[in-house]
């Protein structure tokens, strides 16, 4: 019984995933600003805010970047 419950919870948690492997991040999600708390921004911007939108070549004047997003959890 406990095993079935754990399997159900594991499978149910996948329904909350917003993105899957290979999907493109939406423009509205790209425009979310995050604070850079340590280090520098790879695009040499110094405003202290980071957003994926800054690295989208269609909107930043043609400077294209390759981005690898790694999300990991240990539970």
N, C-alpha and C. Protein backbone atom coordinates (compact mmCIF):
# COMPACT_ATOMS: atom_id res chain seq x y z
N UNK A 1 0.83 -1.20 0.00
CA UNK A 1 0.00 0.00 0.00
C UNK A 1 0.87 1.26 0.00
N UNK A 2 1.91 1.27 0.84
CA UNK A 2 2.80 2.42 0.90
C UNK A 2 3.53 2.62 -0.42
N UNK A 3 3.93 1.53 -1.06
CA UNK A 3 4.62 1.63 -2.34
C UNK A 3 3.73 2.26 -3.41
N UNK A 4 2.47 1.88 -3.44
CA UNK A 4 1.53 2.47 -4.41
C UNK A 4 1.35 3.96 -4.16
N UNK A 5 1.28 4.34 -2.89
CA UNK A 5 1.13 5.75 -2.55
C UNK A 5 2.36 6.54 -3.00
N UNK A 6 3.54 6.02 -2.77
CA UNK A 6 4.77 6.71 -3.17
C UNK A 6 4.87 6.84 -4.69
N UNK A 7 4.47 5.80 -5.40
CA UNK A 7 4.47 5.87 -6.86
C UNK A 7 3.46 6.91 -7.33
N UNK A 8 2.30 6.95 -6.72
CA UNK A 8 1.29 7.94 -7.08
C UNK A 8 1.81 9.36 -6.84
N UNK A 9 2.43 9.60 -5.71
CA UNK A 9 2.98 10.93 -5.40
C UNK A 9 4.07 11.30 -6.40
N UNK A 10 4.93 10.37 -6.73
CA UNK A 10 6.00 10.63 -7.69
C UNK A 10 5.44 11.00 -9.06
N UNK A 11 4.47 10.24 -9.54
CA UNK A 11 3.87 10.52 -10.84
C UNK A 11 3.04 11.79 -10.82
N UNK A 12 2.37 12.05 -9.71
CA UNK A 12 1.56 13.26 -9.58
C UNK A 12 2.43 14.51 -9.60
N UNK A 13 3.62 14.43 -9.04
CA UNK A 13 4.50 15.60 -8.99
C UNK A 13 4.95 16.03 -10.38
N UNK A 14 5.01 15.10 -11.34
CA UNK A 14 5.40 15.45 -12.70
C UNK A 14 4.37 16.33 -13.39
N UNK A 15 3.14 16.32 -12.93
CA UNK A 15 2.11 17.13 -13.56
C UNK A 15 2.29 18.61 -13.27
N UNK A 16 3.14 18.96 -12.31
CA UNK A 16 3.39 20.36 -11.98
C UNK A 16 4.57 20.95 -12.75
N UNK A 17 5.26 20.17 -13.54
CA UNK A 17 6.41 20.65 -14.29
C UNK A 17 5.94 21.62 -15.37
N UNK A 18 6.62 22.76 -15.46
CA UNK A 18 6.26 23.77 -16.45
C UNK A 18 6.95 23.48 -17.77
N UNK A 19 8.20 23.08 -17.70
CA UNK A 19 8.98 22.81 -18.91
C UNK A 19 9.50 21.38 -18.89
N UNK A 20 9.65 20.83 -20.09
CA UNK A 20 10.26 19.52 -20.27
C UNK A 20 11.52 19.68 -21.11
N UNK A 21 12.30 18.64 -21.22
CA UNK A 21 13.55 18.66 -21.98
C UNK A 21 13.26 19.08 -23.42
N UNK A 22 14.01 20.05 -23.91
CA UNK A 22 13.90 20.47 -25.29
C UNK A 22 12.92 21.59 -25.56
N UNK A 23 12.16 21.99 -24.57
CA UNK A 23 11.20 23.07 -24.78
C UNK A 23 11.89 24.43 -24.73
N UNK A 24 11.27 25.42 -25.36
CA UNK A 24 11.79 26.78 -25.37
C UNK A 24 11.14 27.57 -24.24
N UNK A 25 11.95 28.36 -23.54
CA UNK A 25 11.46 29.18 -22.44
C UNK A 25 10.64 30.32 -23.04
N UNK A 26 9.45 30.55 -22.52
CA UNK A 26 8.56 31.59 -23.07
C UNK A 26 9.16 32.98 -22.85
N UNK A 27 8.74 33.93 -23.67
CA UNK A 27 9.24 35.30 -23.58
C UNK A 27 8.89 35.91 -22.22
N UNK A 28 7.70 35.63 -21.70
CA UNK A 28 7.33 36.21 -20.40
C UNK A 28 8.22 35.65 -19.28
N UNK A 29 8.61 34.38 -19.37
CA UNK A 29 9.53 33.83 -18.38
C UNK A 29 10.95 34.36 -18.58
N UNK A 30 11.32 34.63 -19.83
CA UNK A 30 12.64 35.20 -20.10
C UNK A 30 12.78 36.61 -19.54
N UNK A 31 11.70 37.33 -19.43
CA UNK A 31 11.75 38.72 -18.99
C UNK A 31 11.74 38.89 -17.47
N UNK A 32 11.71 37.81 -16.72
CA UNK A 32 11.77 37.92 -15.26
C UNK A 32 13.18 38.33 -14.84
N UNK A 33 13.28 39.42 -14.08
CA UNK A 33 14.58 39.91 -13.62
C UNK A 33 14.96 39.27 -12.31
N UNK A 34 16.20 38.83 -12.23
CA UNK A 34 16.78 38.27 -11.02
C UNK A 34 18.00 39.10 -10.65
N UNK A 35 18.26 39.23 -9.36
CA UNK A 35 19.38 40.02 -8.89
C UNK A 35 20.66 39.20 -8.95
N UNK A 36 21.71 39.81 -9.48
CA UNK A 36 23.03 39.19 -9.48
C UNK A 36 23.68 39.54 -8.15
N UNK A 37 23.88 38.52 -7.31
CA UNK A 37 24.39 38.81 -5.97
C UNK A 37 25.90 38.63 -5.86
N UNK A 38 26.51 37.94 -6.82
CA UNK A 38 27.95 37.76 -6.77
C UNK A 38 28.47 37.51 -8.17
N UNK A 39 29.56 38.12 -8.53
CA UNK A 39 30.15 37.90 -9.84
C UNK A 39 29.69 38.94 -10.84
N UNK A 40 29.85 38.62 -12.09
CA UNK A 40 29.48 39.54 -13.17
C UNK A 40 28.52 38.85 -14.12
N UNK A 41 27.89 39.66 -14.93
CA UNK A 41 26.97 39.12 -15.93
C UNK A 41 27.77 38.75 -17.18
N UNK A 42 27.50 37.61 -17.79
CA UNK A 42 28.27 37.18 -18.97
C UNK A 42 28.18 38.13 -20.16
N UNK A 43 27.13 38.92 -20.24
CA UNK A 43 27.01 39.85 -21.37
C UNK A 43 27.63 41.22 -21.06
N UNK A 44 28.43 41.30 -20.01
CA UNK A 44 29.14 42.52 -19.60
C UNK A 44 28.22 43.68 -19.24
N UNK A 45 26.98 43.39 -18.93
CA UNK A 45 26.06 44.40 -18.44
C UNK A 45 26.33 44.59 -16.95
N UNK A 46 26.15 45.80 -16.44
CA UNK A 46 26.48 46.06 -15.03
C UNK A 46 25.30 46.61 -14.25
N UNK A 47 24.07 46.29 -14.66
CA UNK A 47 22.91 46.82 -13.95
C UNK A 47 22.54 46.01 -12.72
N UNK A 48 23.19 44.85 -12.50
CA UNK A 48 22.91 44.04 -11.32
C UNK A 48 21.70 43.15 -11.44
N UNK A 49 21.05 43.16 -12.61
CA UNK A 49 19.89 42.31 -12.86
C UNK A 49 20.21 41.33 -13.97
N UNK A 50 19.70 40.13 -13.83
CA UNK A 50 19.92 39.08 -14.83
C UNK A 50 18.57 38.62 -15.34
N UNK A 51 18.46 38.48 -16.63
CA UNK A 51 17.27 37.86 -17.22
C UNK A 51 17.70 37.13 -18.48
N UNK A 52 17.01 36.06 -18.79
CA UNK A 52 17.32 35.31 -20.01
C UNK A 52 17.04 36.15 -21.25
N UNK A 53 16.17 37.12 -21.14
CA UNK A 53 15.81 38.00 -22.25
C UNK A 53 17.03 38.76 -22.76
N UNK A 54 17.97 39.09 -21.84
CA UNK A 54 19.20 39.80 -22.23
C UNK A 54 20.07 38.97 -23.16
N UNK A 55 19.88 37.64 -23.16
CA UNK A 55 20.70 36.74 -23.95
C UNK A 55 19.98 36.20 -25.18
N UNK A 56 18.79 36.73 -25.46
CA UNK A 56 18.01 36.32 -26.63
C UNK A 56 18.39 37.21 -27.80
N UNK A 57 19.07 36.64 -28.79
CA UNK A 57 19.58 37.42 -29.91
C UNK A 57 18.52 38.12 -30.75
N UNK A 58 17.29 37.62 -30.72
CA UNK A 58 16.23 38.28 -31.48
C UNK A 58 15.84 39.61 -30.85
N UNK A 59 16.14 39.80 -29.57
CA UNK A 59 15.69 41.00 -28.87
C UNK A 59 16.83 41.86 -28.32
N UNK A 60 18.07 41.37 -28.37
CA UNK A 60 19.16 42.16 -27.79
C UNK A 60 20.09 42.75 -28.83
N UNK A 61 19.70 42.74 -30.08
CA UNK A 61 20.52 43.33 -31.12
C UNK A 61 21.36 42.33 -31.90
N UNK A 62 21.10 41.07 -31.74
CA UNK A 62 21.77 40.07 -32.55
C UNK A 62 22.90 39.31 -31.87
N UNK A 63 23.13 39.50 -30.59
CA UNK A 63 24.17 38.74 -29.87
C UNK A 63 23.52 37.47 -29.32
N UNK A 64 23.78 36.34 -29.95
CA UNK A 64 23.17 35.08 -29.55
C UNK A 64 24.05 34.35 -28.54
N UNK A 65 23.44 33.69 -27.59
CA UNK A 65 24.13 32.94 -26.56
C UNK A 65 23.53 31.54 -26.48
N UNK A 66 24.34 30.58 -26.09
CA UNK A 66 23.86 29.23 -25.81
C UNK A 66 23.73 29.11 -24.30
N UNK A 67 22.57 28.69 -23.81
CA UNK A 67 22.32 28.61 -22.37
C UNK A 67 21.96 27.17 -22.00
N UNK A 68 22.60 26.68 -20.98
CA UNK A 68 22.30 25.35 -20.45
C UNK A 68 21.75 25.55 -19.04
N UNK A 69 20.52 25.16 -18.81
CA UNK A 69 19.89 25.30 -17.50
C UNK A 69 19.82 23.92 -16.87
N UNK A 70 20.47 23.78 -15.73
CA UNK A 70 20.50 22.48 -15.04
C UNK A 70 19.76 22.63 -13.73
N UNK A 71 18.65 21.94 -13.60
CA UNK A 71 17.89 21.94 -12.37
C UNK A 71 18.05 20.59 -11.72
N UNK A 72 18.50 20.57 -10.48
CA UNK A 72 18.73 19.32 -9.79
C UNK A 72 18.13 19.39 -8.39
N UNK A 73 17.68 18.25 -7.91
CA UNK A 73 17.14 18.17 -6.56
C UNK A 73 17.58 16.86 -5.93
N UNK A 74 17.82 16.90 -4.64
CA UNK A 74 18.14 15.66 -3.93
C UNK A 74 17.12 15.45 -2.84
N UNK A 75 16.29 14.43 -2.99
CA UNK A 75 15.23 14.18 -2.02
C UNK A 75 15.14 12.74 -1.73
